């Protein structure tokens, strides 16, 4: 009887394994971030294996439709993913399957109706979190193998046209299917821009989604002059629209500063933000931001270009994968700054106190009973004795800092209480 049950269990695993295909959406486990630098190539076998082993449980949701997963139709699932670590793998199959490395795997087939699937994704994943704990459950959204549509892999294409023709299937994908990954790799793997959705160009009289692009993408490398340009040509209603993203280079750090839009005229749109919010990273590193959109264009004009959930790296120098990631997640917050300010004042008070104690000297002469001075003479000596002004200044500063520290602690408690 045990052998029969074991055989049925293995058969179920093999059946699920064969029926799951990409593209994939991973979320929930902290080590999902390790898959992000592999955005140009399939995730490495070792990285996936370690991820499957580290997760206490894995939930695989299988979609029965090939339609695009729109956040507006799945609001609960969109909020669930945004509050966790997540990444997107566009390949059709994984180098390793999770069934061989984790025993706590649950496969859930979704019905195909957006409202029902949205509720099922949230409730099933929350039930698993209740059992295994937050950050311990790996969620995977996949598709059925027989329904999976072709998606171009995020590869830097270094092969020639002959190699490309050999990899083409009998039924070549349409233009819309090949653009679902929105990966723009310059010739020679010199630069790369990855988006989760197409760029949106807003003009004074229309809004354009730039879906189809020419495969001839170039990067004008002017490293010696401190800049570079990534040029991508799109087609919209038989009209060409060329985007030239300019990167500046200074002291070993690159920054995406503006974009030149050539569509029925030339527009130069600067990137909104300052030196702390604009995409920038040291050479050899990429920049990724999924928390906010990057908008090119001034706030006064109607023309703008919007990039959503992007990752970019210029001067890739022939590599087939992104470098280590710089992201837009802020490190500091109001409580952290308040704590650092309070600690700095405490250290200043301690330093002044120690310096005041070190300035104290023992007396070098003592009065004897034979030469006692009168009370009047003693008062005169006390009045005209030389006083060290540094000691009085130190004492005054110390009292001021103690008073200021009391005010800061009161404000800190007020902020925590009301906000």
Protein backbone atom coordinates (compact mmCIF):
# COMPACT_ATOMS: atom_id res chain seq x y z
CA UNK A 1 0.00 0.00 0.00
CA UNK A 2 2.86 2.39 0.84
CA UNK A 3 4.48 1.69 -2.54
CA UNK A 4 1.22 2.51 -4.31
CA UNK A 5 0.89 5.81 -2.46
CA UNK A 6 4.54 6.64 -3.15
CA UNK A 7 4.06 5.85 -6.84
CA UNK A 8 0.99 8.08 -7.05
CA UNK A 9 2.89 10.90 -5.32
CA UNK A 10 5.85 10.66 -7.71
CA UNK A 11 3.52 10.50 -10.67
CA UNK A 12 1.74 13.64 -9.51
CA UNK A 13 5.07 15.44 -9.16
CA UNK A 14 6.22 14.40 -12.62
CA UNK A 15 2.90 15.43 -14.11
CA UNK A 16 3.05 18.87 -12.52
CA UNK A 17 6.68 19.21 -13.49
CA UNK A 18 5.95 18.59 -17.14
CA UNK A 19 2.94 20.90 -17.22
CA UNK A 20 4.68 24.02 -15.93
CA UNK A 21 6.27 26.48 -18.30
CA UNK A 22 7.46 30.07 -18.37
CA UNK A 23 7.54 32.98 -18.17
CA UNK A 24 7.88 32.91 -14.38
CA UNK A 25 7.26 35.37 -11.58
CA UNK A 26 9.10 34.64 -8.30
CA UNK A 27 8.25 36.41 -5.04
CA UNK A 28 8.20 36.07 -1.27
CA UNK A 29 11.70 34.84 -0.37
CA UNK A 30 14.56 37.25 0.34
CA UNK A 31 17.02 35.37 -1.88
CA UNK A 32 14.84 36.07 -4.93
CA UNK A 33 16.96 39.25 -5.25
CA UNK A 34 19.92 37.04 -6.22
CA UNK A 35 18.19 36.30 -9.54
CA UNK A 36 18.04 39.97 -10.62
CA UNK A 37 21.65 40.38 -11.86
CA UNK A 38 20.99 37.47 -14.26
CA UNK A 39 18.48 39.49 -16.26
CA UNK A 40 20.20 39.03 -19.63
CA UNK A 41 20.56 35.26 -19.40
CA UNK A 42 18.62 32.38 -17.89
CA UNK A 43 18.98 32.10 -14.13
CA UNK A 44 21.96 29.94 -13.17
CA UNK A 45 21.33 26.39 -12.03
CA UNK A 46 23.26 26.87 -8.78
CA UNK A 47 21.30 30.02 -7.85
CA UNK A 48 17.92 28.37 -8.47
CA UNK A 49 18.91 25.21 -6.64
CA UNK A 50 19.98 27.15 -3.56
CA UNK A 51 16.77 29.19 -3.66
CA UNK A 52 14.59 26.06 -3.80
CA UNK A 53 16.53 24.49 -0.92
CA UNK A 54 16.41 27.56 1.33
CA UNK A 55 12.64 28.01 1.02
CA UNK A 56 10.66 26.14 3.67
CA UNK A 57 7.74 25.80 1.27
CA UNK A 58 7.02 26.53 -2.39
CA UNK A 59 3.65 27.43 -3.87
CA UNK A 60 3.33 27.15 -7.65
CA UNK A 61 0.33 28.86 -9.27
CA UNK A 62 -0.40 27.65 -12.80
CA UNK A 63 -2.28 29.99 -15.13
CA UNK A 64 -4.63 28.59 -17.77
CA UNK A 65 -4.38 31.61 -20.04
CA UNK A 66 -1.71 33.23 -22.19
CA UNK A 67 -3.07 36.77 -21.80
CA UNK A 68 -0.85 39.45 -20.29
CA UNK A 69 -0.99 39.70 -16.50
CA UNK A 70 -2.31 43.24 -15.94
CA UNK A 71 -2.03 44.74 -12.46
CA UNK A 72 -5.42 46.41 -12.77
CA UNK A 73 -7.15 43.03 -13.06
CA UNK A 74 -5.22 41.56 -10.13
CA UNK A 75 -5.06 44.38 -7.50
CA UNK A 76 -4.65 42.06 -4.50
CA UNK A 77 -1.90 40.04 -6.15
CA UNK A 78 -0.14 43.23 -7.34
CA UNK A 79 -0.08 44.56 -3.77
CA UNK A 80 1.15 41.18 -2.49
CA UNK A 81 4.07 41.13 -4.93
CA UNK A 82 5.07 44.77 -4.32
CA UNK A 83 5.31 44.17 -0.56
CA UNK A 84 7.77 41.29 -1.07
CA UNK A 85 11.01 40.64 -2.86
CA UNK A 86 10.23 39.59 -6.46
CA UNK A 87 11.74 39.11 -9.89
CA UNK A 88 10.60 38.13 -13.38
CA UNK A 89 12.18 35.38 -15.50
CA UNK A 90 11.07 35.46 -19.15
CA UNK A 91 12.50 32.09 -20.23
CA UNK A 92 10.20 29.25 -21.22
CA UNK A 93 11.78 26.67 -18.92
CA UNK A 94 13.99 26.61 -15.84
CA UNK A 95 17.42 25.03 -15.74
CA UNK A 96 16.36 23.10 -12.61
CA UNK A 97 12.92 22.18 -11.34
CA UNK A 98 11.86 22.82 -7.74
CA UNK A 99 10.29 19.37 -7.30
CA UNK A 100 13.70 17.75 -6.84
CA UNK A 101 14.89 20.07 -4.05
CA UNK A 102 11.90 20.80 -1.82
CA UNK A 103 9.34 18.46 -0.29
CA UNK A 104 6.79 21.12 0.71
CA UNK A 105 5.47 22.03 -2.74
CA UNK A 106 1.86 22.82 -3.53
CA UNK A 107 0.65 23.25 -7.12
CA UNK A 108 -2.51 25.35 -7.51
CA UNK A 109 -4.33 25.56 -10.84
CA UNK A 110 -5.98 28.93 -11.46
CA UNK A 111 -9.36 29.12 -13.15
CA UNK A 112 -8.58 31.89 -15.64
CA UNK A 113 -11.06 34.44 -14.27
CA UNK A 114 -9.18 37.46 -12.95
CA UNK A 115 -11.32 38.04 -9.83
CA UNK A 116 -11.25 34.38 -8.76
CA UNK A 117 -7.53 34.04 -9.51
CA UNK A 118 -6.73 37.23 -7.62
CA UNK A 119 -8.52 35.99 -4.50
CA UNK A 120 -7.01 32.49 -4.81
CA UNK A 121 -3.45 33.82 -5.12
CA UNK A 122 -3.79 35.98 -2.02
CA UNK A 123 -5.64 33.51 0.22
CA UNK A 124 -3.48 30.49 -0.61
CA UNK A 125 -0.22 32.37 -0.15
CA UNK A 126 -1.37 33.91 3.15
CA UNK A 127 -2.35 30.46 4.42
CA UNK A 128 1.16 29.23 3.66
CA UNK A 129 2.67 32.24 5.45
CA UNK A 130 0.61 31.42 8.53
CA UNK A 131 2.13 27.92 8.61
CA UNK A 132 5.75 28.55 7.62
CA UNK A 133 6.31 32.21 8.50
CA UNK A 134 6.93 35.45 6.62
CA UNK A 135 9.81 35.34 4.15
CA UNK A 136 10.00 31.55 4.17
CA UNK A 137 7.48 30.77 1.41
CA UNK A 138 8.53 31.04 -2.24
CA UNK A 139 5.72 31.87 -4.63
CA UNK A 140 6.00 31.00 -8.33
CA UNK A 141 3.51 32.08 -11.00
CA UNK A 142 3.85 30.00 -14.18
CA UNK A 143 1.80 28.84 -17.17
CA UNK A 144 0.81 25.50 -18.60
CA UNK A 145 3.33 24.14 -21.06
CA UNK A 146 0.81 23.54 -23.81
CA UNK A 147 -0.49 27.11 -23.53
CA UNK A 148 2.82 28.94 -23.04
CA UNK A 149 3.53 31.48 -25.76
CA UNK A 150 6.95 32.29 -27.09
CA UNK A 151 8.96 34.88 -25.24
CA UNK A 152 12.36 36.07 -26.31
CA UNK A 153 15.02 35.27 -23.71
CA UNK A 154 16.96 38.07 -22.12
CA UNK A 155 20.16 37.27 -23.92
CA UNK A 156 22.79 39.59 -25.32
CA UNK A 157 22.82 38.31 -28.89
CA UNK A 158 26.43 37.87 -29.95
CA UNK A 159 25.62 35.24 -32.59
CA UNK A 160 25.60 36.08 -36.28
CA UNK A 161 22.55 35.93 -38.53
CA UNK A 162 23.25 32.34 -39.53
CA UNK A 163 23.12 31.16 -35.93
CA UNK A 164 19.94 33.13 -35.38
CA UNK A 165 18.25 31.48 -38.36
CA UNK A 166 19.05 28.02 -37.01
CA UNK A 167 17.33 28.78 -33.71
CA UNK A 168 14.11 30.04 -35.36
CA UNK A 169 11.18 27.65 -34.93
CA UNK A 170 8.87 26.46 -37.68
CA UNK A 171 6.29 29.03 -36.59
CA UNK A 172 8.16 32.28 -35.95
CA UNK A 173 6.71 34.51 -33.22
CA UNK A 174 4.86 37.66 -34.05
CA UNK A 175 6.26 41.10 -33.31
CA UNK A 176 4.01 41.52 -30.28
CA UNK A 177 5.20 38.24 -28.73
CA UNK A 178 8.89 39.00 -29.12
CA UNK A 179 8.44 42.37 -27.43
CA UNK A 180 6.88 41.07 -24.21
CA UNK A 181 10.20 41.03 -22.38
CA UNK A 182 11.14 44.58 -23.49
CA UNK A 183 14.88 44.01 -23.38
CA UNK A 184 16.98 46.36 -25.50
CA UNK A 185 20.58 45.20 -25.92
CA UNK A 186 23.03 47.29 -27.91
CA UNK A 187 25.21 45.62 -30.51
CA UNK A 188 28.31 44.06 -29.04
CA UNK A 189 26.68 43.93 -25.59
CA UNK A 190 27.81 47.49 -24.93
CA UNK A 191 24.69 48.58 -23.03
CA UNK A 192 21.29 47.22 -22.04
CA UNK A 193 17.91 48.58 -20.96
CA UNK A 194 15.25 46.27 -19.52
CA UNK A 195 11.63 47.32 -18.94
CA UNK A 196 8.65 45.47 -17.53
CA UNK A 197 6.28 47.36 -19.86
CA UNK A 198 6.75 49.37 -23.05
CA UNK A 199 7.94 53.00 -22.94
CA UNK A 200 5.11 55.51 -23.04
CA UNK A 201 5.64 58.72 -25.02
CA UNK A 202 3.19 61.50 -24.23
CA UNK A 203 2.94 64.39 -26.65
CA UNK A 204 0.67 67.41 -26.59
CA UNK A 205 -2.02 65.66 -28.65
CA UNK A 206 -1.45 61.91 -28.21
CA UNK A 207 -0.05 59.17 -26.00
CA UNK A 208 2.01 56.42 -27.67
CA UNK A 209 3.04 52.98 -26.39
CA UNK A 210 6.30 52.08 -28.13
CA UNK A 211 5.90 48.34 -28.72
CA UNK A 212 7.74 47.38 -31.90
CA UNK A 213 11.39 48.25 -32.19
CA UNK A 214 14.16 47.73 -34.69
CA UNK A 215 16.65 45.05 -33.64
CA UNK A 216 19.48 47.34 -34.69
CA UNK A 217 20.26 48.97 -31.32
CA UNK A 218 23.48 50.94 -30.99
CA UNK A 219 25.52 52.49 -28.20
CA UNK A 220 27.73 55.46 -29.03
CA UNK A 221 30.63 54.94 -26.63
CA UNK A 222 32.40 58.23 -25.94
CA UNK A 223 34.11 57.07 -22.77
CA UNK A 224 37.04 59.46 -23.22
CA UNK A 225 34.66 62.45 -23.48
CA UNK A 226 32.57 61.35 -20.51
CA UNK A 227 29.31 60.35 -22.16
CA UNK A 228 27.52 57.64 -24.15
CA UNK A 229 24.23 57.31 -26.07
CA UNK A 230 21.94 54.27 -26.30
CA UNK A 231 19.83 54.55 -29.47
CA UNK A 232 16.62 52.51 -29.95
CA UNK A 233 14.35 52.91 -32.99
CA UNK A 234 10.64 52.10 -32.67
CA UNK A 235 7.90 51.91 -35.29
CA UNK A 236 4.49 53.50 -34.71
CA UNK A 237 1.95 53.71 -37.53
CA UNK A 238 4.75 53.33 -40.09
CA UNK A 239 6.58 56.30 -38.53
CA UNK A 240 9.98 55.99 -36.92
CA UNK A 241 10.50 57.08 -33.35
CA UNK A 242 14.12 57.05 -32.15
CA UNK A 243 15.04 57.34 -28.49
CA UNK A 244 18.62 58.28 -27.66
CA UNK A 245 19.30 57.89 -23.95
CA UNK A 246 22.32 59.91 -22.84
CA UNK A 247 24.59 58.70 -20.05
CA UNK A 248 27.17 60.98 -18.47
CA UNK A 249 30.33 59.63 -16.86
CA UNK A 250 32.19 61.41 -14.06
CA UNK A 251 34.72 60.04 -11.55
CA UNK A 252 33.90 56.44 -12.32
CA UNK A 253 30.11 56.88 -11.91
CA UNK A 254 27.58 56.96 -14.74
CA UNK A 255 24.21 58.73 -14.70
CA UNK A 256 21.22 58.69 -17.06
CA UNK A 257 20.67 62.40 -17.62
CA UNK A 258 18.27 62.90 -20.55
CA UNK A 259 16.74 61.39 -23.67
CA UNK A 260 16.51 62.75 -27.21
CA UNK A 261 13.21 61.85 -28.89
CA UNK A 262 13.21 61.97 -32.70
CA UNK A 263 9.54 61.63 -33.72
CA UNK A 264 8.04 64.20 -36.08
CA UNK A 265 10.67 66.57 -34.79
CA UNK A 266 13.46 66.40 -32.22
CA UNK A 267 12.79 66.81 -28.51
CA UNK A 268 15.38 66.76 -25.73
CA UNK A 269 13.70 65.71 -22.49
CA UNK A 270 15.71 65.89 -19.23
CA UNK A 271 15.22 63.25 -16.56
CA UNK A 272 13.21 64.45 -13.59
CA UNK A 273 14.91 64.25 -10.23
CA UNK A 274 18.15 65.27 -8.57
CA UNK A 275 21.56 63.70 -8.13
CA UNK A 276 20.20 61.35 -5.48
CA UNK A 277 17.13 60.09 -7.39
CA UNK A 278 18.36 59.90 -10.99
CA UNK A 279 19.57 56.48 -12.22
CA UNK A 280 23.28 56.29 -11.44
CA UNK A 281 25.82 53.68 -10.37
CA UNK A 282 29.59 53.05 -10.53
CA UNK A 283 31.01 51.57 -13.72
CA UNK A 284 30.35 47.84 -13.87
CA UNK A 285 27.14 48.16 -11.84
CA UNK A 286 23.54 48.33 -13.03
CA UNK A 287 20.65 50.40 -11.67
CA UNK A 288 17.16 49.03 -11.02
CA UNK A 289 14.02 50.71 -9.71
CA UNK A 290 10.60 49.06 -9.44
CA UNK A 291 9.21 51.39 -6.78
CA UNK A 292 8.73 54.46 -9.00
CA UNK A 293 8.62 55.43 -12.66
CA UNK A 294 11.37 57.32 -14.44
CA UNK A 295 9.94 60.32 -16.27
CA UNK A 296 11.80 62.43 -18.82
CA UNK A 297 10.53 65.94 -19.44
CA UNK A 298 9.96 69.18 -17.57
CA UNK A 299 6.88 69.60 -15.39
CA UNK A 300 5.74 72.66 -17.34
CA UNK A 301 5.59 71.00 -20.80
CA UNK A 302 3.14 68.33 -21.97
CA UNK A 303 5.81 66.20 -23.69
CA UNK A 304 7.26 63.38 -21.57
CA UNK A 305 8.62 59.83 -21.76
CA UNK A 306 7.89 57.31 -19.00
CA UNK A 307 9.81 54.13 -18.12
CA UNK A 308 8.23 51.65 -15.69
CA UNK A 309 10.09 49.09 -13.55
CA UNK A 310 13.38 49.44 -15.36
CA UNK A 311 16.94 48.17 -15.07
CA UNK A 312 19.74 49.78 -17.06
CA UNK A 313 23.48 49.53 -17.44
CA UNK A 314 25.73 51.33 -19.94
CA UNK A 315 29.31 50.36 -20.70
CA UNK A 316 28.51 46.67 -20.33
CA UNK A 317 31.76 45.86 -22.20
CA UNK A 318 30.54 42.68 -23.87
CA UNK A 319 29.15 40.95 -20.76
CA UNK A 320 26.00 38.87 -21.07
CA UNK A 321 24.52 39.73 -17.70
CA UNK A 322 23.87 42.76 -15.56
CA UNK A 323 26.44 43.80 -12.98
CA UNK A 324 25.67 44.08 -9.29
CA UNK A 325 22.53 46.12 -8.69
CA UNK A 326 22.16 49.60 -7.26
CA UNK A 327 18.49 50.28 -6.46
CA UNK A 328 16.30 53.22 -5.51
CA UNK A 329 15.39 51.94 -2.05
CA UNK A 330 16.24 54.65 0.45
CA UNK A 331 18.61 53.75 3.28
CA UNK A 332 17.71 56.53 5.70
CA UNK A 333 14.39 57.42 7.28
CA UNK A 334 13.12 59.93 9.84
CA UNK A 335 13.61 57.63 12.88
CA UNK A 336 17.12 56.71 11.73
CA UNK A 337 18.12 60.35 11.26
CA UNK A 338 16.62 61.30 14.63
CA UNK A 339 18.51 58.50 16.34
CA UNK A 340 21.78 59.48 14.70
CA UNK A 341 21.26 63.11 15.71
CA UNK A 342 20.57 62.19 19.35
CA UNK A 343 23.60 59.89 19.46
CA UNK A 344 25.83 62.62 18.01
CA UNK A 345 24.73 65.06 20.72
CA UNK A 346 25.32 62.48 23.43
CA UNK A 347 28.81 61.87 22.09
CA UNK A 348 29.45 65.64 22.00
CA UNK A 349 28.32 66.02 25.63
CA UNK A 350 30.48 63.08 26.72
CA UNK A 351 33.49 64.52 24.90
CA UNK A 352 33.07 67.94 26.54
CA UNK A 353 32.62 66.35 29.94
CA UNK A 354 35.78 64.28 29.58
CA UNK A 355 37.75 67.32 28.39
CA UNK A 356 36.50 69.34 31.38
CA UNK A 357 37.53 66.59 33.79
CA UNK A 358 40.96 66.40 32.22
CA UNK A 359 41.43 70.15 32.69
CA UNK A 360 41.10 69.86 36.51
CA UNK A 361 44.46 70.12 38.35
CA UNK A 362 45.24 69.40 41.99
CA UNK A 363 46.49 72.39 44.11
CA UNK A 364 50.28 72.65 44.45
CA UNK A 365 50.40 74.54 47.81
CA UNK A 366 48.48 74.25 51.09
CA UNK A 367 47.88 76.73 53.92
CA UNK A 368 49.41 76.11 57.30
CA UNK A 369 48.04 77.13 60.70
CA UNK A 370 50.77 79.73 61.14
CA UNK A 371 49.96 81.92 58.12
CA UNK A 372 46.20 81.93 57.91
CA UNK A 373 44.79 84.88 56.10
CA UNK A 374 41.93 86.96 57.27
CA UNK A 375 38.51 86.52 55.85
CA UNK A 376 38.72 89.81 53.92
CA UNK A 377 42.03 88.87 52.37
CA UNK A 378 40.59 85.48 51.39
CA UNK A 379 37.66 87.14 49.64
CA UNK A 380 40.04 89.44 47.79
CA UNK A 381 42.12 86.48 46.64
CA UNK A 382 39.02 84.61 45.50
CA UNK A 383 37.81 87.68 43.63
CA UNK A 384 41.03 88.33 41.77
CA UNK A 385 42.11 84.75 41.18
CA UNK A 386 42.81 83.86 37.55
CA UNK A 387 39.95 81.79 36.11
CA UNK A 388 40.36 79.58 33.04
CA UNK A 389 37.80 80.88 30.47
CA UNK A 390 37.84 77.55 28.58
CA UNK A 391 36.35 75.79 31.59
CA UNK A 392 33.45 78.30 31.78
CA UNK A 393 32.88 78.00 28.02
CA UNK A 394 32.89 74.21 28.23
CA UNK A 395 30.41 74.29 31.10
CA UNK A 396 28.10 76.68 29.22
CA UNK A 397 28.17 74.57 26.06
CA UNK A 398 27.47 71.45 28.07
CA UNK A 399 24.40 73.00 29.71
CA UNK A 400 23.21 74.18 26.29
CA UNK A 401 23.59 70.73 24.75
CA UNK A 402 21.76 69.07 27.64
CA UNK A 403 18.88 71.51 27.16
CA UNK A 404 18.88 70.91 23.40
CA UNK A 405 18.96 67.15 23.94
CA UNK A 406 15.87 67.38 26.13
CA UNK A 407 14.06 69.30 23.36
CA UNK A 408 15.08 66.76 20.70
CA UNK A 409 13.89 63.84 22.81
CA UNK A 410 10.56 65.60 23.32
CA UNK A 411 10.19 66.19 19.56
CA UNK A 412 11.16 62.59 18.81
CA UNK A 413 8.49 61.28 21.19
CA UNK A 414 5.97 63.67 19.63
CA UNK A 415 6.75 62.44 16.09
CA UNK A 416 6.53 58.78 17.09
CA UNK A 417 3.27 59.35 18.94
CA UNK A 418 1.39 61.27 16.22
CA UNK A 419 2.94 59.83 13.03
